[in-house]
C-alpha atoms as a PDB file:
ATOM      1  CA  MET A   1      31.773  -4.307 -27.439  1.00  0.00           C
ATOM      2  CA  LYS A   2      28.660  -3.583 -29.429  1.00  0.00           C
ATOM      3  CA  ARG A   3      27.103  -0.204 -28.660  1.00  0.00           C
ATOM      4  CA  GLN A   4      23.574  -0.374 -27.353  1.00  0.00           C
ATOM      5  CA  ARG A   5      21.151   1.251 -29.735  1.00  0.00           C
ATOM      6  CA  LEU A   6      19.162   4.116 -28.255  1.00  0.00           C
ATOM      7  CA  THR A   7      15.398   3.995 -28.272  1.00  0.00           C
ATOM      8  CA  ARG A   8      13.558   6.783 -30.078  1.00  0.00           C
ATOM      9  CA  GLU A   9      12.745   8.389 -26.731  1.00  0.00           C
ATOM     10  CA  GLN A  10      16.353   8.165 -25.546  1.00  0.00           C
ATOM     11  CA  SER A  11      17.574   9.627 -28.816  1.00  0.00           C
ATOM     12  CA  LYS A  12      15.116  12.526 -28.518  1.00  0.00           C
ATOM     13  CA  ASP A  13      16.209  13.175 -24.931  1.00  0.00           C
ATOM     14  CA  GLN A  14      19.850  13.152 -26.005  1.00  0.00           C
ATOM     15  CA  THR A  15      19.150  15.613 -28.811  1.00  0.00           C
ATOM     16  CA  ARG A  16      17.263  17.883 -26.442  1.00  0.00           C
ATOM     17  CA  GLU A  17      20.087  17.865 -23.879  1.00  0.00           C
ATOM     18  CA  ARG A  18      22.676  18.618 -26.541  1.00  0.00           C
ATOM     19  CA  LEU A  19      20.628  21.551 -27.788  1.00  0.00           C
ATOM     20  CA  LEU A  20      20.272  22.854 -24.223  1.00  0.00           C
ATOM     21  CA  ASP A  21      24.010  22.520 -23.578  1.00  0.00           C
ATOM     22  CA  ALA A  22      24.864  24.204 -26.879  1.00  0.00           C
ATOM     23  CA  ALA A  23      22.421  27.032 -26.179  1.00  0.00           C
ATOM     24  CA  GLN A  24      23.841  27.590 -22.699  1.00  0.00           C
ATOM     25  CA  ALA A  25      27.392  27.876 -24.016  1.00  0.00           C
ATOM     26  CA  THR A  26      26.337  30.143 -26.903  1.00  0.00           C
ATOM     27  CA  PHE A  27      24.127  32.398 -24.777  1.00  0.00           C
ATOM     28  CA  MET A  28      26.960  32.882 -22.300  1.00  0.00           C
ATOM     29  CA  LYS A  29      29.382  33.736 -25.100  1.00  0.00           C
ATOM     30  CA  LYS A  30      27.226  35.858 -27.428  1.00  0.00           C
ATOM     31  CA  GLY A  31      24.186  36.773 -25.342  1.00  0.00           C
ATOM     32  CA  PHE A  32      20.569  35.747 -25.830  1.00  0.00           C
ATOM     33  CA  VAL A  33      19.583  38.394 -28.368  1.00  0.00           C
ATOM     34  CA  ALA A  34      22.664  37.912 -30.585  1.00  0.00           C
ATOM     35  CA  THR A  35      22.279  34.128 -30.642  1.00  0.00           C
ATOM     36  CA  SER A  36      20.112  32.674 -33.404  1.00  0.00           C
ATOM     37  CA  VAL A  37      18.321  29.342 -33.586  1.00  0.00           C
ATOM     38  CA  GLU A  38      20.762  28.424 -36.354  1.00  0.00           C
ATOM     39  CA  ASP A  39      23.707  29.176 -34.020  1.00  0.00           C
ATOM     40  CA  ILE A  40      22.323  26.822 -31.391  1.00  0.00           C
ATOM     41  CA  ALA A  41      21.539  24.031 -33.840  1.00  0.00           C
ATOM     42  CA  ALA A  42      24.973  24.283 -35.480  1.00  0.00           C
ATOM     43  CA  ALA A  43      26.781  24.265 -32.130  1.00  0.00           C
ATOM     44  CA  ALA A  44      24.890  21.106 -31.167  1.00  0.00           C
ATOM     45  CA  GLY A  45      25.541  19.473 -34.533  1.00  0.00           C
ATOM     46  CA  TYR A  46      21.919  19.493 -35.673  1.00  0.00           C
ATOM     47  CA  THR A  47      19.691  21.240 -38.167  1.00  0.00           C
ATOM     48  CA  ARG A  48      17.222  24.054 -37.631  1.00  0.00           C
ATOM     49  CA  GLY A  49      14.483  21.481 -38.027  1.00  0.00           C
ATOM     50  CA  ALA A  50      15.871  19.443 -35.131  1.00  0.00           C
ATOM     51  CA  PHE A  51      15.671  22.553 -32.950  1.00  0.00           C
ATOM     52  CA  TYR A  52      11.996  23.111 -33.718  1.00  0.00           C
ATOM     53  CA  SER A  53      11.261  19.425 -33.206  1.00  0.00           C
ATOM     54  CA  ASN A  54      12.258  19.951 -29.574  1.00  0.00           C
ATOM     55  CA  PHE A  55      11.466  23.585 -28.774  1.00  0.00           C
ATOM     56  CA  ARG A  56       8.810  25.956 -30.000  1.00  0.00           C
ATOM     57  CA  SER A  57      11.093  28.974 -29.705  1.00  0.00           C
ATOM     58  CA  LYS A  58      14.404  30.273 -28.445  1.00  0.00           C
ATOM     59  CA  THR A  59      12.564  31.797 -25.484  1.00  0.00           C
ATOM     60  CA  GLU A  60      11.067  28.453 -24.500  1.00  0.00           C
ATOM     61  CA  LEU A  61      14.524  26.887 -24.575  1.00  0.00           C
ATOM     62  CA  PHE A  62      15.913  29.772 -22.499  1.00  0.00           C
ATOM     63  CA  LEU A  63      13.288  29.287 -19.801  1.00  0.00           C
ATOM     64  CA  GLU A  64      13.993  25.556 -19.740  1.00  0.00           C
ATOM     65  CA  LEU A  65      17.691  26.290 -19.247  1.00  0.00           C
ATOM     66  CA  LEU A  66      16.862  28.505 -16.276  1.00  0.00           C
ATOM     67  CA  GLY A  67      14.584  25.789 -14.907  1.00  0.00           C
ATOM     68  CA  ARG A  68      17.317  23.186 -15.248  1.00  0.00           C
ATOM     69  CA  ASP A  69      19.767  25.356 -13.325  1.00  0.00           C
ATOM     70  CA  HIS A  70      17.132  26.128 -10.707  1.00  0.00           C
ATOM     71  CA  GLU A  71      16.555  22.406 -10.132  1.00  0.00           C
ATOM     72  CA  ALA A  72      20.286  21.895  -9.603  1.00  0.00           C
ATOM     73  CA  MET A  73      20.331  24.707  -7.043  1.00  0.00           C
ATOM     74  CA  GLN A  74      17.283  23.233  -5.318  1.00  0.00           C
ATOM     75  CA  ALA A  75      19.099  19.922  -4.995  1.00  0.00           C
ATOM     76  CA  GLY A  76      21.937  21.736  -3.241  1.00  0.00           C
ATOM     77  CA  LEU A  77      19.537  23.417  -0.826  1.00  0.00           C
ATOM     78  CA  HIS A  78      17.692  20.161  -0.162  1.00  0.00           C
ATOM     79  CA  ALA A  79      20.976  18.491   0.815  1.00  0.00           C
ATOM     80  CA  ILE A  80      21.219  20.897   3.762  1.00  0.00           C
ATOM     81  CA  PHE A  81      18.212  19.213   5.367  1.00  0.00           C
ATOM     82  CA  GLU A  82      19.186  15.595   4.714  1.00  0.00           C
ATOM     83  CA  ASN A  83      19.423  13.310   7.732  1.00  0.00           C
ATOM     84  CA  ALA A  84      18.753  14.416  11.278  1.00  0.00           C
ATOM     85  CA  ALA A  85      21.582  16.937  11.322  1.00  0.00           C
ATOM     86  CA  SER A  86      22.375  18.966  14.437  1.00  0.00           C
ATOM     87  CA  ARG A  87      22.050  22.723  14.471  1.00  0.00           C
ATOM     88  CA  GLU A  88      25.820  23.087  14.118  1.00  0.00           C
ATOM     89  CA  GLU A  89      25.940  20.766  11.116  1.00  0.00           C
ATOM     90  CA  MET A  90      23.033  22.495   9.390  1.00  0.00           C
ATOM     91  CA  GLU A  91      24.630  25.901   9.920  1.00  0.00           C
ATOM     92  CA  ALA A  92      27.916  24.563   8.544  1.00  0.00           C
ATOM     93  CA  ARG A  93      26.095  23.182   5.482  1.00  0.00           C
ATOM     94  CA  VAL A  94      24.421  26.554   4.861  1.00  0.00           C
ATOM     95  CA  LEU A  95      27.767  28.342   5.070  1.00  0.00           C
ATOM     96  CA  ARG A  96      29.433  25.844   2.725  1.00  0.00           C
ATOM     97  CA  TYR A  97      26.616  26.137   0.207  1.00  0.00           C
ATOM     98  CA  TYR A  98      26.326  29.910   0.087  1.00  0.00           C
ATOM     99  CA  SER A  99      29.974  30.866   0.610  1.00  0.00           C
ATOM    100  CA  SER A 100      30.957  28.911  -2.504  1.00  0.00           C
ATOM    101  CA  LEU A 101      27.934  29.847  -4.624  1.00  0.00           C
ATOM    102  CA  HIS A 102      29.740  32.663  -6.412  1.00  0.00           C
ATOM    103  CA  ARG A 103      32.278  30.136  -7.723  1.00  0.00           C
ATOM    104  CA  GLU A 104      29.937  27.212  -8.352  1.00  0.00           C
ATOM    105  CA  ASN A 105      27.103  29.022 -10.133  1.00  0.00           C
ATOM    106  CA  LYS A 106      28.211  28.573 -13.745  1.00  0.00           C
ATOM    107  CA  CYS A 107      24.918  29.962 -15.062  1.00  0.00           C
ATOM    108  CA  PHE A 108      25.210  33.415 -13.499  1.00  0.00           C
ATOM    109  CA  LEU A 109      25.403  35.102 -16.904  1.00  0.00           C
ATOM    110  CA  LEU A 110      22.244  33.310 -18.022  1.00  0.00           C
ATOM    111  CA  TRP A 111      20.316  34.794 -15.121  1.00  0.00           C
ATOM    112  CA  ALA A 112      21.784  38.230 -15.844  1.00  0.00           C
ATOM    113  CA  GLU A 113      20.669  37.872 -19.474  1.00  0.00           C
ATOM    114  CA  ALA A 114      17.197  36.823 -18.344  1.00  0.00           C
ATOM    115  CA  LYS A 115      16.810  39.839 -16.071  1.00  0.00           C
ATOM    116  CA  LEU A 116      17.834  42.240 -18.816  1.00  0.00           C
ATOM    117  CA  LEU A 117      15.462  40.573 -21.253  1.00  0.00           C
ATOM    118  CA  ALA A 118      12.635  40.734 -18.713  1.00  0.00           C
ATOM    119  CA  VAL A 119      13.120  44.491 -18.379  1.00  0.00           C
ATOM    120  CA  ARG A 120      12.962  44.988 -22.142  1.00  0.00           C
ATOM    121  CA  ASP A 121      10.440  42.377 -23.261  1.00  0.00           C
ATOM    122  CA  GLY A 122       6.989  42.454 -21.703  1.00  0.00           C
ATOM    123  CA  ARG A 123       5.964  38.983 -22.872  1.00  0.00           C
ATOM    124  CA  PHE A 124       9.135  37.396 -21.538  1.00  0.00           C
ATOM    125  CA  ARG A 125       8.772  39.417 -18.323  1.00  0.00           C
ATOM    126  CA  SER A 126       5.462  37.825 -17.423  1.00  0.00           C
ATOM    127  CA  ARG A 127       6.834  34.302 -17.856  1.00  0.00           C
ATOM    128  CA  PHE A 128      10.103  35.101 -16.095  1.00  0.00           C
ATOM    129  CA  ASN A 129       8.301  36.753 -13.176  1.00  0.00           C
ATOM    130  CA  ALA A 130       6.073  33.709 -12.731  1.00  0.00           C
ATOM    131  CA  PHE A 131       9.199  31.585 -12.617  1.00  0.00           C
ATOM    132  CA  MET A 132      10.891  33.915 -10.107  1.00  0.00           C
ATOM    133  CA  HIS A 133       7.802  33.978  -7.869  1.00  0.00           C
ATOM    134  CA  GLU A 134       7.954  30.198  -7.699  1.00  0.00           C
ATOM    135  CA  LYS A 135      11.680  30.369  -6.924  1.00  0.00           C
ATOM    136  CA  ILE A 136      11.072  32.851  -4.084  1.00  0.00           C
ATOM    137  CA  GLU A 137       8.272  30.707  -2.661  1.00  0.00           C
ATOM    138  CA  GLN A 138      10.504  27.636  -2.636  1.00  0.00           C
ATOM    139  CA  LEU A 139      13.391  29.497  -1.001  1.00  0.00           C
ATOM    140  CA  SER A 140      10.979  30.950   1.567  1.00  0.00           C
ATOM    141  CA  ALA A 141       9.893  27.412   2.447  1.00  0.00           C
ATOM    142  CA  TYR A 142      13.520  26.430   3.010  1.00  0.00           C
ATOM    143  CA  VAL A 143      14.007  29.511   5.206  1.00  0.00           C
ATOM    144  CA  ARG A 144      11.006  28.531   7.347  1.00  0.00           C
ATOM    145  CA  GLU A 145      12.192  24.943   7.646  1.00  0.00           C
ATOM    146  CA  PHE A 146      15.718  26.004   8.586  1.00  0.00           C
ATOM    147  CA  SER A 147      14.404  28.402  11.224  1.00  0.00           C
ATOM    148  CA  GLU A 148      12.218  25.681  12.736  1.00  0.00           C
ATOM    149  CA  ARG A 149      14.914  23.000  12.629  1.00  0.00           C
ATOM    150  CA  VAL A 150      17.633  25.072  14.322  1.00  0.00           C
ATOM    151  CA  GLY A 151      15.296  27.027  16.619  1.00  0.00           C
ATOM    152  CA  THR A 152      16.475  30.438  15.416  1.00  0.00           C
ATOM    153  CA  PRO A 153      13.738  32.958  14.525  1.00  0.00           C
ATOM    154  CA  ILE A 154      14.218  34.947  11.327  1.00  0.00           C
ATOM    155  CA  SER A 155      14.110  38.702  11.879  1.00  0.00           C
ATOM    156  CA  MET A 156      11.830  39.354   8.885  1.00  0.00           C
ATOM    157  CA  PRO A 157       9.110  37.525   6.920  1.00  0.00           C
ATOM    158  CA  PRO A 158      10.609  34.575   4.978  1.00  0.00           C
ATOM    159  CA  GLU A 159       9.520  36.019   1.625  1.00  0.00           C
ATOM    160  CA  GLN A 160      11.379  39.264   2.332  1.00  0.00           C
ATOM    161  CA  PHE A 161      14.389  37.326   3.548  1.00  0.00           C
ATOM    162  CA  ALA A 162      14.386  35.215   0.366  1.00  0.00           C
ATOM    163  CA  ILE A 163      14.316  38.304  -1.875  1.00  0.00           C
ATOM    164  CA  GLY A 164      17.132  39.893   0.123  1.00  0.00           C
ATOM    165  CA  LEU A 165      19.216  36.725   0.009  1.00  0.00           C
ATOM    166  CA  ILE A 166      18.822  36.355  -3.761  1.00  0.00           C
ATOM    167  CA  GLY A 167      19.765  40.022  -4.209  1.00  0.00           C
ATOM    168  CA  LEU A 168      22.815  39.669  -1.966  1.00  0.00           C
ATOM    169  CA  CYS A 169      24.091  36.541  -3.709  1.00  0.00           C
ATOM    170  CA  ASP A 170      23.543  38.057  -7.153  1.00  0.00           C
ATOM    171  CA  GLY A 171      25.316  41.248  -6.138  1.00  0.00           C
ATOM    172  CA  VAL A 172      28.323  39.493  -4.640  1.00  0.00           C
ATOM    173  CA  GLN A 173      28.653  37.251  -7.677  1.00  0.00           C
ATOM    174  CA  PHE A 174      28.446  40.253  -9.978  1.00  0.00           C
ATOM    175  CA  PHE A 175      31.338  41.984  -8.196  1.00  0.00           C
ATOM    176  CA  TYR A 176      33.360  38.765  -8.183  1.00  0.00           C
ATOM    177  CA  ALA A 177      32.692  38.199 -11.906  1.00  0.00           C
ATOM    178  CA  VAL A 178      33.555  41.694 -13.142  1.00  0.00           C
ATOM    179  CA  ASP A 179      36.216  42.806 -10.622  1.00  0.00           C
ATOM    180  CA  PRO A 180      37.935  39.725  -9.156  1.00  0.00           C
ATOM    181  CA  GLN A 181      41.086  41.696  -8.323  1.00  0.00           C
ATOM    182  CA  ASN A 182      39.265  43.966  -5.880  1.00  0.00           C
ATOM    183  CA  VAL A 183      36.579  41.449  -4.908  1.00  0.00           C
ATOM    184  CA  PRO A 184      38.419  38.107  -4.891  1.00  0.00           C
ATOM    185  CA  SER A 185      36.851  34.821  -3.855  1.00  0.00           C
ATOM    186  CA  GLU A 186      38.060  35.197  -0.260  1.00  0.00           C
ATOM    187  CA  MET A 187      36.282  38.538   0.130  1.00  0.00           C
ATOM    188  CA  ALA A 188      33.090  37.206  -1.450  1.00  0.00           C
ATOM    189  CA  GLU A 189      33.124  34.309   1.013  1.00  0.00           C
ATOM    190  CA  LYS A 190      33.649  36.661   3.972  1.00  0.00           C
ATOM    191  CA  VAL A 191      30.726  38.856   2.906  1.00  0.00           C
ATOM    192  CA  LEU A 192      28.354  35.895   2.595  1.00  0.00           C
ATOM    193  CA  ALA A 193      29.634  34.117   5.712  1.00  0.00           C
ATOM    194  CA  GLY A 194      29.368  37.348   7.681  1.00  0.00           C
ATOM    195  CA  PHE A 195      25.785  37.858   6.561  1.00  0.00           C
ATOM    196  CA  PHE A 196      24.742  34.398   7.720  1.00  0.00           C
ATOM    197  CA  SER A 197      26.694  34.573  10.967  1.00  0.00           C
ATOM    198  CA  ARG A 198      25.197  37.884  12.017  1.00  0.00           C
ATOM    199  CA  VAL A 199      21.768  38.069  10.373  1.00  0.00           C
ATOM    200  CA  VAL A 200      20.757  34.406  10.284  1.00  0.00           C
ATOM    201  CA  PHE A 201      22.692  32.712  13.089  1.00  0.00           C
ATOM    202  CA  GLY A 202      22.686  35.713  15.432  1.00  0.00           C
ATOM    203  CA  ARG A 203      26.414  35.680  16.146  1.00  0.00           C
ATOM    204  CA  ASP A 204      28.846  38.556  16.525  1.00  0.00           C
ATOM    205  CA  ALA A 205      31.281  36.951  14.070  1.00  0.00           C
END
């Protein structure tokens, strides 16, 4: 069967995705600072020129990677609200989503790299903070919607809750990533499930 020839736009999109995938793998292996543009281009099978035809800088690519992962996470959160689910079903969806997040979030190291870079690099910090503010606002909106849909008031402002939830998930995933013997998947799930049961759903267990 004859292969369909890609249009110029399709070819450019394919190149861009390959560069993003190569950068993600290389950043997670070597770290952002130690990875060069040449490393990314070579891993994707392209030249340095191909990189700069698609991205102005390594930082721009990094932020796009974070945005791509954020969109995937947003899709997971949005699925919680699909259909006219009952309170029980929505609570079950929340527990399924967050209790498995420490295993499913393959880009955890990217976010850790970004936070370290934001501490050390003022220019990156301003762009990263703008991105994080948007992320917190979106999560806060989901918190409000969940509270309204299930009829359970949240014990703190949604923005504060969103920051606390992000911090909790990041912390649990960190322990699971660096010390899985003492913080195995089962314990991580119990911590997250316990938080939602008590703090969000208002249960004793």
